[in-house]
Amino acid sequence: RFVQEAEYSGASHIRVAGTSALRS
């Protein structure tokens, strides 16, 4: 839903990053 919202809002560049849970 968040990626769709960013695309709909007109974002030309989208970066997705994870922190503690994904690295541990």
mmCIF file of all heavy atoms, coordinates in Angstrom:
data_MODEL
# 
_entry.id   MODEL 
# 
loop_
_atom_site.group_PDB 
_atom_site.id 
_atom_site.type_symbol 
_atom_site.label_atom_id 
_atom_site.label_alt_id 
_atom_site.label_comp_id 
_atom_site.label_asym_id 
_atom_site.label_entity_id 
_atom_site.label_seq_id 
_atom_site.pdbx_PDB_ins_code 
_atom_site.Cartn_x 
_atom_site.Cartn_y 
_atom_site.Cartn_z 
_atom_site.occupancy 
_atom_site.B_iso_or_equiv 
_atom_site.pdbx_formal_charge 
_atom_site.auth_seq_id 
_atom_site.auth_comp_id 
_atom_site.auth_asym_id 
_atom_site.auth_atom_id 
_atom_site.pdbx_PDB_model_num 
ATOM 1   N N   . ARG A 1 1  ? 0.826  -1.212  0.000   1.00 0.00 ? 1  ARG A N   1 
ATOM 2   C CA  . ARG A 1 1  ? 0.000  0.000   0.000   1.00 0.00 ? 1  ARG A CA  1 
ATOM 3   C C   . ARG A 1 1  ? 0.862  1.265   0.000   1.00 0.00 ? 1  ARG A C   1 
ATOM 4   O O   . ARG A 1 1  ? 0.545  2.247   -0.679  1.00 0.00 ? 1  ARG A O   1 
ATOM 5   C CB  . ARG A 1 1  ? -0.941 -0.009  1.201   1.00 0.00 ? 1  ARG A CB  1 
ATOM 6   C CG  . ARG A 1 1  ? -2.074 -1.014  1.056   1.00 0.00 ? 1  ARG A CG  1 
ATOM 7   C CD  . ARG A 1 1  ? -3.061 -0.948  2.184   1.00 0.00 ? 1  ARG A CD  1 
ATOM 8   N NE  . ARG A 1 1  ? -2.569 -1.598  3.396   1.00 0.00 ? 1  ARG A NE  1 
ATOM 9   C CZ  . ARG A 1 1  ? -2.195 -0.978  4.490   1.00 0.00 ? 1  ARG A CZ  1 
ATOM 10  N NH1 . ARG A 1 1  ? -2.213 0.343   4.550   1.00 0.00 ? 1  ARG A NH1 1 
ATOM 11  N NH2 . ARG A 1 1  ? -1.772 -1.657  5.545   1.00 0.00 ? 1  ARG A NH2 1 
ATOM 12  N N   . PHE A 1 2  ? 1.959  1.239   0.740   1.00 0.00 ? 2  PHE A N   1 
ATOM 13  C CA  . PHE A 1 2  ? 2.808  2.422   0.830   1.00 0.00 ? 2  PHE A CA  1 
ATOM 14  C C   . PHE A 1 2  ? 3.538  2.684   -0.489  1.00 0.00 ? 2  PHE A C   1 
ATOM 15  O O   . PHE A 1 2  ? 3.682  3.836   -0.908  1.00 0.00 ? 2  PHE A O   1 
ATOM 16  C CB  . PHE A 1 2  ? 3.819  2.259   1.970   1.00 0.00 ? 2  PHE A CB  1 
ATOM 17  C CG  . PHE A 1 2  ? 3.245  2.541   3.333   1.00 0.00 ? 2  PHE A CG  1 
ATOM 18  C CD1 . PHE A 1 2  ? 1.879  2.542   3.556   1.00 0.00 ? 2  PHE A CD1 1 
ATOM 19  C CD2 . PHE A 1 2  ? 4.075  2.806   4.412   1.00 0.00 ? 2  PHE A CD2 1 
ATOM 20  C CE1 . PHE A 1 2  ? 1.342  2.797   4.811   1.00 0.00 ? 2  PHE A CE1 1 
ATOM 21  C CE2 . PHE A 1 2  ? 3.562  3.080   5.672   1.00 0.00 ? 2  PHE A CE2 1 
ATOM 22  C CZ  . PHE A 1 2  ? 2.187  3.071   5.870   1.00 0.00 ? 2  PHE A CZ  1 
ATOM 23  N N   . VAL A 1 3  ? 4.006  1.624   -1.142  1.00 0.00 ? 3  VAL A N   1 
ATOM 24  C CA  . VAL A 1 3  ? 4.678  1.797   -2.430  1.00 0.00 ? 3  VAL A CA  1 
ATOM 25  C C   . VAL A 1 3  ? 3.689  2.316   -3.472  1.00 0.00 ? 3  VAL A C   1 
ATOM 26  O O   . VAL A 1 3  ? 4.012  3.213   -4.267  1.00 0.00 ? 3  VAL A O   1 
ATOM 27  C CB  . VAL A 1 3  ? 5.322  0.477   -2.885  1.00 0.00 ? 3  VAL A CB  1 
ATOM 28  C CG1 . VAL A 1 3  ? 5.735  0.546   -4.353  1.00 0.00 ? 3  VAL A CG1 1 
ATOM 29  C CG2 . VAL A 1 3  ? 6.539  0.160   -2.030  1.00 0.00 ? 3  VAL A CG2 1 
ATOM 30  N N   . GLN A 1 4  ? 2.485  1.782   -3.469  1.00 0.00 ? 4  GLN A N   1 
ATOM 31  C CA  . GLN A 1 4  ? 1.462  2.272   -4.385  1.00 0.00 ? 4  GLN A CA  1 
ATOM 32  C C   . GLN A 1 4  ? 1.167  3.749   -4.135  1.00 0.00 ? 4  GLN A C   1 
ATOM 33  O O   . GLN A 1 4  ? 0.992  4.531   -5.074  1.00 0.00 ? 4  GLN A O   1 
ATOM 34  C CB  . GLN A 1 4  ? 0.189  1.446   -4.239  1.00 0.00 ? 4  GLN A CB  1 
ATOM 35  C CG  . GLN A 1 4  ? 0.311  0.028   -4.780  1.00 0.00 ? 4  GLN A CG  1 
ATOM 36  C CD  . GLN A 1 4  ? -0.916 -0.804  -4.478  1.00 0.00 ? 4  GLN A CD  1 
ATOM 37  O OE1 . GLN A 1 4  ? -2.010 -0.278  -4.292  1.00 0.00 ? 4  GLN A OE1 1 
ATOM 38  N NE2 . GLN A 1 4  ? -0.745 -2.111  -4.424  1.00 0.00 ? 4  GLN A NE2 1 
ATOM 39  N N   . GLU A 1 5  ? 1.127  4.134   -2.866  1.00 0.00 ? 5  GLU A N   1 
ATOM 40  C CA  . GLU A 1 5  ? 0.860  5.525   -2.517  1.00 0.00 ? 5  GLU A CA  1 
ATOM 41  C C   . GLU A 1 5  ? 1.992  6.429   -3.028  1.00 0.00 ? 5  GLU A C   1 
ATOM 42  O O   . GLU A 1 5  ? 1.739  7.524   -3.549  1.00 0.00 ? 5  GLU A O   1 
ATOM 43  C CB  . GLU A 1 5  ? 0.722  5.671   -1.011  1.00 0.00 ? 5  GLU A CB  1 
ATOM 44  C CG  . GLU A 1 5  ? 0.400  7.075   -0.526  1.00 0.00 ? 5  GLU A CG  1 
ATOM 45  C CD  . GLU A 1 5  ? -0.955 7.558   -0.970  1.00 0.00 ? 5  GLU A CD  1 
ATOM 46  O OE1 . GLU A 1 5  ? -1.859 6.722   -1.183  1.00 0.00 ? 5  GLU A OE1 1 
ATOM 47  O OE2 . GLU A 1 5  ? -1.130 8.795   -1.140  1.00 0.00 ? 5  GLU A OE2 1 
ATOM 48  N N   . ALA A 1 6  ? 3.237  5.974   -2.877  1.00 0.00 ? 6  ALA A N   1 
ATOM 49  C CA  . ALA A 1 6  ? 4.371  6.761   -3.360  1.00 0.00 ? 6  ALA A CA  1 
ATOM 50  C C   . ALA A 1 6  ? 4.325  6.912   -4.873  1.00 0.00 ? 6  ALA A C   1 
ATOM 51  O O   . ALA A 1 6  ? 4.569  7.997   -5.414  1.00 0.00 ? 6  ALA A O   1 
ATOM 52  C CB  . ALA A 1 6  ? 5.681  6.106   -2.932  1.00 0.00 ? 6  ALA A CB  1 
ATOM 53  N N   . GLU A 1 7  ? 4.004  5.824   -5.568  1.00 0.00 ? 7  GLU A N   1 
ATOM 54  C CA  . GLU A 1 7  ? 3.900  5.894   -7.025  1.00 0.00 ? 7  GLU A CA  1 
ATOM 55  C C   . GLU A 1 7  ? 2.773  6.811   -7.458  1.00 0.00 ? 7  GLU A C   1 
ATOM 56  O O   . GLU A 1 7  ? 2.935  7.637   -8.362  1.00 0.00 ? 7  GLU A O   1 
ATOM 57  C CB  . GLU A 1 7  ? 3.692  4.483   -7.587  1.00 0.00 ? 7  GLU A CB  1 
ATOM 58  C CG  . GLU A 1 7  ? 4.899  3.578   -7.441  1.00 0.00 ? 7  GLU A CG  1 
ATOM 59  C CD  . GLU A 1 7  ? 4.622  2.143   -7.858  1.00 0.00 ? 7  GLU A CD  1 
ATOM 60  O OE1 . GLU A 1 7  ? 3.425  1.750   -7.902  1.00 0.00 ? 7  GLU A OE1 1 
ATOM 61  O OE2 . GLU A 1 7  ? 5.586  1.417   -8.121  1.00 0.00 ? 7  GLU A OE2 1 
ATOM 62  N N   . TYR A 1 8  ? 1.625  6.675   -6.822  1.00 0.00 ? 8  TYR A N   1 
ATOM 63  C CA  . TYR A 1 8  ? 0.476  7.512   -7.162  1.00 0.00 ? 8  TYR A CA  1 
ATOM 64  C C   . TYR A 1 8  ? 0.769  8.985   -6.898  1.00 0.00 ? 8  TYR A C   1 
ATOM 65  O O   . TYR A 1 8  ? 0.279  9.862   -7.608  1.00 0.00 ? 8  TYR A O   1 
ATOM 66  C CB  . TYR A 1 8  ? -0.746 7.070   -6.353  1.00 0.00 ? 8  TYR A CB  1 
ATOM 67  C CG  . TYR A 1 8  ? -1.991 7.866   -6.669  1.00 0.00 ? 8  TYR A CG  1 
ATOM 68  C CD1 . TYR A 1 8  ? -2.762 7.568   -7.794  1.00 0.00 ? 8  TYR A CD1 1 
ATOM 69  C CD2 . TYR A 1 8  ? -2.405 8.921   -5.857  1.00 0.00 ? 8  TYR A CD2 1 
ATOM 70  C CE1 . TYR A 1 8  ? -3.896 8.297   -8.096  1.00 0.00 ? 8  TYR A CE1 1 
ATOM 71  C CE2 . TYR A 1 8  ? -3.535 9.666   -6.151  1.00 0.00 ? 8  TYR A CE2 1 
ATOM 72  C CZ  . TYR A 1 8  ? -4.271 9.348   -7.270  1.00 0.00 ? 8  TYR A CZ  1 
ATOM 73  O OH  . TYR A 1 8  ? -5.392 10.080  -7.581  1.00 0.00 ? 8  TYR A OH  1 
ATOM 74  N N   . SER A 1 9  ? 1.583  9.258   -5.872  1.00 0.00 ? 9  SER A N   1 
ATOM 75  C CA  . SER A 1 9  ? 1.919  10.639  -5.527  1.00 0.00 ? 9  SER A CA  1 
ATOM 76  C C   . SER A 1 9  ? 2.922  11.259  -6.494  1.00 0.00 ? 9  SER A C   1 
ATOM 77  O O   . SER A 1 9  ? 3.232  12.444  -6.389  1.00 0.00 ? 9  SER A O   1 
ATOM 78  C CB  . SER A 1 9  ? 2.484  10.716  -4.100  1.00 0.00 ? 9  SER A CB  1 
ATOM 79  O OG  . SER A 1 9  ? 1.522  10.300  -3.153  1.00 0.00 ? 9  SER A OG  1 
ATOM 80  N N   . GLY A 1 10 ? 3.453  10.450  -7.406  1.00 0.00 ? 10 GLY A N   1 
ATOM 81  C CA  . GLY A 1 10 ? 4.350  10.986  -8.415  1.00 0.00 ? 10 GLY A CA  1 
ATOM 82  C C   . GLY A 1 10 ? 5.819  10.850  -8.104  1.00 0.00 ? 10 GLY A C   1 
ATOM 83  O O   . GLY A 1 10 ? 6.644  11.510  -8.744  1.00 0.00 ? 10 GLY A O   1 
ATOM 84  N N   . ALA A 1 11 ? 6.191  10.003  -7.131  1.00 0.00 ? 11 ALA A N   1 
ATOM 85  C CA  . ALA A 1 11 ? 7.605  9.828   -6.802  1.00 0.00 ? 11 ALA A CA  1 
ATOM 86  C C   . ALA A 1 11 ? 8.321  9.146   -7.966  1.00 0.00 ? 11 ALA A C   1 
ATOM 87  O O   . ALA A 1 11 ? 7.911  8.074   -8.415  1.00 0.00 ? 11 ALA A O   1 
ATOM 88  C CB  . ALA A 1 11 ? 7.759  9.006   -5.536  1.00 0.00 ? 11 ALA A CB  1 
ATOM 89  N N   . SER A 1 12 ? 9.384  9.766   -8.446  1.00 0.00 ? 12 SER A N   1 
ATOM 90  C CA  . SER A 1 12 ? 10.152 9.196   -9.559  1.00 0.00 ? 12 SER A CA  1 
ATOM 91  C C   . SER A 1 12 ? 11.253 8.272   -9.068  1.00 0.00 ? 12 SER A C   1 
ATOM 92  O O   . SER A 1 12 ? 11.776 7.460   -9.834  1.00 0.00 ? 12 SER A O   1 
ATOM 93  C CB  . SER A 1 12 ? 10.755 10.316  -10.409 1.00 0.00 ? 12 SER A CB  1 
ATOM 94  O OG  . SER A 1 12 ? 11.589 11.156  -9.632  1.00 0.00 ? 12 SER A OG  1 
ATOM 95  N N   . HIS A 1 13 ? 11.638 8.391   -7.821  1.00 0.00 ? 13 HIS A N   1 
ATOM 96  C CA  . HIS A 1 13 ? 12.640 7.517   -7.212  1.00 0.00 ? 13 HIS A CA  1 
ATOM 97  C C   . HIS A 1 13 ? 12.095 7.041   -5.867  1.00 0.00 ? 13 HIS A C   1 
ATOM 98  O O   . HIS A 1 13 ? 11.649 7.860   -5.064  1.00 0.00 ? 13 HIS A O   1 
ATOM 99  C CB  . HIS A 1 13 ? 13.958 8.254   -6.990  1.00 0.00 ? 13 HIS A CB  1 
ATOM 100 C CG  . HIS A 1 13 ? 14.534 8.848   -8.242  1.00 0.00 ? 13 HIS A CG  1 
ATOM 101 N ND1 . HIS A 1 13 ? 15.198 8.107   -9.178  1.00 0.00 ? 13 HIS A ND1 1 
ATOM 102 C CD2 . HIS A 1 13 ? 14.518 10.117  -8.706  1.00 0.00 ? 13 HIS A CD2 1 
ATOM 103 C CE1 . HIS A 1 13 ? 15.584 8.880   -10.174 1.00 0.00 ? 13 HIS A CE1 1 
ATOM 104 N NE2 . HIS A 1 13 ? 15.182 10.116  -9.913  1.00 0.00 ? 13 HIS A NE2 1 
ATOM 105 N N   . ILE A 1 14 ? 12.144 5.734   -5.647  1.00 0.00 ? 14 ILE A N   1 
ATOM 106 C CA  . ILE A 1 14 ? 11.642 5.164   -4.390  1.00 0.00 ? 14 ILE A CA  1 
ATOM 107 C C   . ILE A 1 14 ? 12.717 4.256   -3.805  1.00 0.00 ? 14 ILE A C   1 
ATOM 108 O O   . ILE A 1 14 ? 13.240 3.367   -4.482  1.00 0.00 ? 14 ILE A O   1 
ATOM 109 C CB  . ILE A 1 14 ? 10.338 4.374   -4.606  1.00 0.00 ? 14 ILE A CB  1 
ATOM 110 C CG1 . ILE A 1 14 ? 9.241  5.293   -5.142  1.00 0.00 ? 14 ILE A CG1 1 
ATOM 111 C CG2 . ILE A 1 14 ? 9.895  3.708   -3.304  1.00 0.00 ? 14 ILE A CG2 1 
ATOM 112 C CD1 . ILE A 1 14 ? 7.948  4.572   -5.492  1.00 0.00 ? 14 ILE A CD1 1 
ATOM 113 N N   . ARG A 1 15 ? 13.054 4.502   -2.537  1.00 0.00 ? 15 ARG A N   1 
ATOM 114 C CA  . ARG A 1 15 ? 14.038 3.679   -1.838  1.00 0.00 ? 15 ARG A CA  1 
ATOM 115 C C   . ARG A 1 15 ? 13.356 2.989   -0.665  1.00 0.00 ? 15 ARG A C   1 
ATOM 116 O O   . ARG A 1 15 ? 12.634 3.629   0.099   1.00 0.00 ? 15 ARG A O   1 
ATOM 117 C CB  . ARG A 1 15 ? 15.203 4.524   -1.332  1.00 0.00 ? 15 ARG A CB  1 
ATOM 118 C CG  . ARG A 1 15 ? 16.302 3.703   -0.637  1.00 0.00 ? 15 ARG A CG  1 
ATOM 119 C CD  . ARG A 1 15 ? 17.443 4.576   -0.174  1.00 0.00 ? 15 ARG A CD  1 
ATOM 120 N NE  . ARG A 1 15 ? 18.514 3.792   0.449   1.00 0.00 ? 15 ARG A NE  1 
ATOM 121 C CZ  . ARG A 1 15 ? 19.591 4.319   0.999   1.00 0.00 ? 15 ARG A CZ  1 
ATOM 122 N NH1 . ARG A 1 15 ? 19.757 5.639   1.007   1.00 0.00 ? 15 ARG A NH1 1 
ATOM 123 N NH2 . ARG A 1 15 ? 20.511 3.543   1.552   1.00 0.00 ? 15 ARG A NH2 1 
ATOM 124 N N   . VAL A 1 16 ? 13.594 1.689   -0.537  1.00 0.00 ? 16 VAL A N   1 
ATOM 125 C CA  . VAL A 1 16 ? 12.996 0.897   0.541   1.00 0.00 ? 16 VAL A CA  1 
ATOM 126 C C   . VAL A 1 16 ? 14.123 0.283   1.359   1.00 0.00 ? 16 VAL A C   1 
ATOM 127 O O   . VAL A 1 16 ? 15.025 -0.366  0.802   1.00 0.00 ? 16 VAL A O   1 
ATOM 128 C CB  . VAL A 1 16 ? 12.086 -0.213  -0.023  1.00 0.00 ? 16 VAL A CB  1 
ATOM 129 C CG1 . VAL A 1 16 ? 11.376 -0.943  1.115   1.00 0.00 ? 16 VAL A CG1 1 
ATOM 130 C CG2 . VAL A 1 16 ? 11.068 0.369   -1.002  1.00 0.00 ? 16 VAL A CG2 1 
ATOM 131 N N   . ALA A 1 17 ? 14.091 0.492   2.669   1.00 0.00 ? 17 ALA A N   1 
ATOM 132 C CA  . ALA A 1 17 ? 15.166 -0.009  3.524   1.00 0.00 ? 17 ALA A CA  1 
ATOM 133 C C   . ALA A 1 17 ? 14.604 -0.588  4.811   1.00 0.00 ? 17 ALA A C   1 
ATOM 134 O O   . ALA A 1 17 ? 13.598 -0.105  5.341   1.00 0.00 ? 17 ALA A O   1 
ATOM 135 C CB  . ALA A 1 17 ? 16.169 1.104   3.839   1.00 0.00 ? 17 ALA A CB  1 
ATOM 136 N N   . GLY A 1 18 ? 15.266 -1.634  5.301   1.00 0.00 ? 18 GLY A N   1 
ATOM 137 C CA  . GLY A 1 18 ? 14.881 -2.258  6.554   1.00 0.00 ? 18 GLY A CA  1 
ATOM 138 C C   . GLY A 1 18 ? 15.982 -2.096  7.576   1.00 0.00 ? 18 GLY A C   1 
ATOM 139 O O   . GLY A 1 18 ? 17.155 -1.923  7.229   1.00 0.00 ? 18 GLY A O   1 
ATOM 140 N N   . THR A 1 19 ? 15.608 -2.168  8.845   1.00 0.00 ? 19 THR A N   1 
ATOM 141 C CA  . THR A 1 19 ? 16.579 -1.926  9.914   1.00 0.00 ? 19 THR A CA  1 
ATOM 142 C C   . THR A 1 19 ? 16.735 -3.156  10.822  1.00 0.00 ? 19 THR A C   1 
ATOM 143 O O   . THR A 1 19 ? 16.988 -4.248  10.347  1.00 0.00 ? 19 THR A O   1 
ATOM 144 C CB  . THR A 1 19 ? 16.199 -0.665  10.699  1.00 0.00 ? 19 THR A CB  1 
ATOM 145 O OG1 . THR A 1 19 ? 14.833 -0.775  11.168  1.00 0.00 ? 19 THR A OG1 1 
ATOM 146 C CG2 . THR A 1 19 ? 16.303 0.577   9.822   1.00 0.00 ? 19 THR A CG2 1 
ATOM 147 N N   . SER A 1 20 ? 16.575 -2.971  12.111  1.00 0.00 ? 20 SER A N   1 
ATOM 148 C CA  . SER A 1 20 ? 16.987 -3.968  13.096  1.00 0.00 ? 20 SER A CA  1 
ATOM 149 C C   . SER A 1 20 ? 16.399 -5.359  12.879  1.00 0.00 ? 20 SER A C   1 
ATOM 150 O O   . SER A 1 20 ? 17.122 -6.353  12.930  1.00 0.00 ? 20 SER A O   1 
ATOM 151 C CB  . SER A 1 20 ? 16.636 -3.470  14.503  1.00 0.00 ? 20 SER A CB  1 
ATOM 152 O OG  . SER A 1 20 ? 16.965 -4.438  15.478  1.00 0.00 ? 20 SER A OG  1 
ATOM 153 N N   . ALA A 1 21 ? 15.096 -5.464  12.651  1.00 0.00 ? 21 ALA A N   1 
ATOM 154 C CA  . ALA A 1 21 ? 14.475 -6.789  12.535  1.00 0.00 ? 21 ALA A CA  1 
ATOM 155 C C   . ALA A 1 21 ? 15.064 -7.583  11.372  1.00 0.00 ? 21 ALA A C   1 
ATOM 156 O O   . ALA A 1 21 ? 15.406 -8.765  11.516  1.00 0.00 ? 21 ALA A O   1 
ATOM 157 C CB  . ALA A 1 21 ? 12.964 -6.656  12.375  1.00 0.00 ? 21 ALA A CB  1 
ATOM 158 N N   . LEU A 1 22 ? 15.207 -6.943  10.226  1.00 0.00 ? 22 LEU A N   1 
ATOM 159 C CA  . LEU A 1 22 ? 15.724 -7.650  9.057   1.00 0.00 ? 22 LEU A CA  1 
ATOM 160 C C   . LEU A 1 22 ? 17.206 -7.985  9.193   1.00 0.00 ? 22 LEU A C   1 
ATOM 161 O O   . LEU A 1 22 ? 17.655 -9.008  8.683   1.00 0.00 ? 22 LEU A O   1 
ATOM 162 C CB  . LEU A 1 22 ? 15.480 -6.819  7.792   1.00 0.00 ? 22 LEU A CB  1 
ATOM 163 C CG  . LEU A 1 22 ? 14.030 -6.750  7.305   1.00 0.00 ? 22 LEU A CG  1 
ATOM 164 C CD1 . LEU A 1 22 ? 13.911 -5.833  6.095   1.00 0.00 ? 22 LEU A CD1 1 
ATOM 165 C CD2 . LEU A 1 22 ? 13.494 -8.139  6.970   1.00 0.00 ? 22 LEU A CD2 1 
ATOM 166 N N   . ARG A 1 23 ? 17.974 -7.138  9.856   1.00 0.00 ? 23 ARG A N   1 
ATOM 167 C CA  . ARG A 1 23 ? 19.407 -7.441  9.967   1.00 0.00 ? 23 ARG A CA  1 
ATOM 168 C C   . ARG A 1 23 ? 19.723 -8.437  11.079  1.00 0.00 ? 23 ARG A C   1 
ATOM 169 O O   . ARG A 1 23 ? 20.769 -9.085  11.038  1.00 0.00 ? 23 ARG A O   1 
ATOM 170 C CB  . ARG A 1 23 ? 20.237 -6.173  10.123  1.00 0.00 ? 23 ARG A CB  1 
ATOM 171 C CG  . ARG A 1 23 ? 20.089 -5.404  11.399  1.00 0.00 ? 23 ARG A CG  1 
ATOM 172 C CD  . ARG A 1 23 ? 21.125 -4.259  11.483  1.00 0.00 ? 23 ARG A CD  1 
ATOM 173 N NE  . ARG A 1 23 ? 20.880 -3.405  12.636  1.00 0.00 ? 23 ARG A NE  1 
ATOM 174 C CZ  . ARG A 1 23 ? 20.301 -2.221  12.589  1.00 0.00 ? 23 ARG A CZ  1 
ATOM 175 N NH1 . ARG A 1 23 ? 19.897 -1.725  11.429  1.00 0.00 ? 23 ARG A NH1 1 
ATOM 176 N NH2 . ARG A 1 23 ? 20.102 -1.521  13.695  1.00 0.00 ? 23 ARG A NH2 1 
ATOM 177 N N   . SER A 1 24 ? 18.849 -8.587  12.077  1.00 0.00 ? 24 SER A N   1 
ATOM 178 C CA  . SER A 1 24 ? 19.147 -9.490  13.188  1.00 0.00 ? 24 SER A CA  1 
ATOM 179 C C   . SER A 1 24 ? 18.498 -10.863 13.052  1.00 0.00 ? 24 SER A C   1 
ATOM 180 O O   . SER A 1 24 ? 18.978 -11.835 13.645  1.00 0.00 ? 24 SER A O   1 
ATOM 181 C CB  . SER A 1 24 ? 18.717 -8.856  14.518  1.00 0.00 ? 24 SER A CB  1 
ATOM 182 O OG  . SER A 1 24 ? 17.317 -8.640  14.546  1.00 0.00 ? 24 SER A OG  1 
# 
